[in-house]
Amino acid sequence: MGKLQSKHGDSFVVNAFLRRGVEECERYGAADHKLKNAQV
């Protein structure tokens, strides 16, 4: 039972981390796109 709960908690942390990483990538990608447009 403890292992199952720990495993579930780990997957929850990984999912939250990945979701946060995707959001940051999109944000940085949009900012980078704006910078490129401004330079051109």
N, C-alpha and C. Protein backbone atom coordinates (compact mmCIF):
# COMPACT_ATOMS: atom_id res chain seq x y z
N MET A 1 0.85 -1.20 0.00
CA MET A 1 0.00 0.00 0.00
C MET A 1 0.88 1.25 0.00
N GLY A 2 1.92 1.25 0.84
CA GLY A 2 2.82 2.39 0.90
C GLY A 2 3.54 2.59 -0.42
N LYS A 3 3.96 1.48 -1.03
CA LYS A 3 4.68 1.57 -2.31
C LYS A 3 3.75 2.15 -3.39
N LEU A 4 2.52 1.67 -3.41
CA LEU A 4 1.57 2.14 -4.41
C LEU A 4 1.34 3.63 -4.27
N GLN A 5 1.19 4.08 -3.02
CA GLN A 5 0.95 5.50 -2.78
C GLN A 5 2.17 6.32 -3.21
N SER A 6 3.36 5.79 -2.92
CA SER A 6 4.59 6.49 -3.27
C SER A 6 4.72 6.58 -4.79
N LYS A 7 4.41 5.46 -5.46
CA LYS A 7 4.51 5.42 -6.92
C LYS A 7 3.53 6.43 -7.53
N HIS A 8 2.33 6.46 -7.01
CA HIS A 8 1.32 7.39 -7.51
C HIS A 8 1.78 8.82 -7.28
N GLY A 9 2.38 9.08 -6.13
CA GLY A 9 2.86 10.42 -5.82
C GLY A 9 3.98 10.83 -6.77
N ASP A 10 4.87 9.89 -7.08
CA ASP A 10 5.98 10.19 -8.00
C ASP A 10 5.45 10.55 -9.38
N SER A 11 4.47 9.76 -9.86
CA SER A 11 3.92 10.02 -11.19
C SER A 11 3.22 11.37 -11.20
N PHE A 12 2.59 11.72 -10.08
CA PHE A 12 1.89 13.01 -10.00
C PHE A 12 2.91 14.15 -10.11
N VAL A 13 4.03 13.98 -9.42
CA VAL A 13 5.09 15.02 -9.45
C VAL A 13 5.66 15.13 -10.85
N VAL A 14 5.90 13.98 -11.49
CA VAL A 14 6.45 13.98 -12.85
C VAL A 14 5.48 14.67 -13.81
N ASN A 15 4.18 14.34 -13.70
CA ASN A 15 3.19 14.95 -14.58
C ASN A 15 3.16 16.46 -14.39
N ALA A 16 3.20 16.91 -13.14
CA ALA A 16 3.16 18.35 -12.85
C ALA A 16 4.43 19.01 -13.41
N PHE A 17 5.57 18.33 -13.26
CA PHE A 17 6.84 18.87 -13.74
C PHE A 17 6.82 18.99 -15.27
N LEU A 18 6.33 17.93 -15.93
CA LEU A 18 6.29 17.95 -17.40
C LEU A 18 5.34 19.03 -17.88
N ARG A 19 4.19 19.15 -17.22
CA ARG A 19 3.22 20.16 -17.63
C ARG A 19 3.82 21.54 -17.49
N ARG A 20 4.55 21.77 -16.39
CA ARG A 20 5.18 23.07 -16.15
C ARG A 20 6.27 23.31 -17.20
N GLY A 21 7.01 22.26 -17.54
CA GLY A 21 8.06 22.39 -18.54
C GLY A 21 7.48 22.76 -19.89
N VAL A 22 6.36 22.14 -20.25
CA VAL A 22 5.72 22.44 -21.54
C VAL A 22 5.26 23.89 -21.56
N GLU A 23 4.66 24.35 -20.46
CA GLU A 23 4.18 25.73 -20.41
C GLU A 23 5.35 26.70 -20.55
N GLU A 24 6.47 26.41 -19.89
CA GLU A 24 7.63 27.30 -19.97
C GLU A 24 8.21 27.27 -21.38
N CYS A 25 8.23 26.10 -22.00
CA CYS A 25 8.76 26.01 -23.37
C CYS A 25 7.92 26.85 -24.30
N GLU A 26 6.60 26.78 -24.15
CA GLU A 26 5.71 27.55 -25.02
C GLU A 26 5.93 29.04 -24.77
N ARG A 27 6.10 29.41 -23.50
CA ARG A 27 6.28 30.82 -23.17
C ARG A 27 7.60 31.33 -23.75
N TYR A 28 8.68 30.55 -23.56
CA TYR A 28 9.98 30.96 -24.09
C TYR A 28 9.95 30.96 -25.62
N GLY A 29 9.25 29.98 -26.20
CA GLY A 29 9.15 29.90 -27.65
C GLY A 29 8.44 31.12 -28.20
N ALA A 30 7.37 31.56 -27.54
CA ALA A 30 6.63 32.74 -27.99
C ALA A 30 7.51 33.98 -27.86
N ALA A 31 8.25 34.09 -26.77
CA ALA A 31 9.12 35.25 -26.55
C ALA A 31 10.23 35.26 -27.60
N ASP A 32 10.78 34.09 -27.88
CA ASP A 32 11.84 33.99 -28.88
C ASP A 32 11.30 34.38 -30.25
N HIS A 33 10.09 33.97 -30.54
CA HIS A 33 9.45 34.29 -31.82
C HIS A 33 9.27 35.80 -31.94
N LYS A 34 8.85 36.42 -30.85
CA LYS A 34 8.65 37.88 -30.86
C LYS A 34 9.98 38.60 -31.08
N LEU A 35 11.03 38.10 -30.44
CA LEU A 35 12.35 38.72 -30.60
C LEU A 35 12.81 38.62 -32.05
N LYS A 36 12.61 37.47 -32.67
CA LYS A 36 13.02 37.28 -34.06
C LYS A 36 12.24 38.22 -34.97
N ASN A 37 10.94 38.36 -34.70
CA ASN A 37 10.11 39.25 -35.51
C ASN A 37 10.56 40.70 -35.34
N ALA A 38 10.95 41.07 -34.13
CA ALA A 38 11.37 42.45 -33.85
C ALA A 38 12.68 42.74 -34.57
N GLN A 39 13.59 41.75 -34.63
CA GLN A 39 14.88 41.95 -35.29
C GLN A 39 14.68 42.11 -36.79
N VAL A 40 13.74 41.39 -37.36
CA VAL A 40 13.48 41.47 -38.81
C VAL A 40 12.64 42.68 -39.07
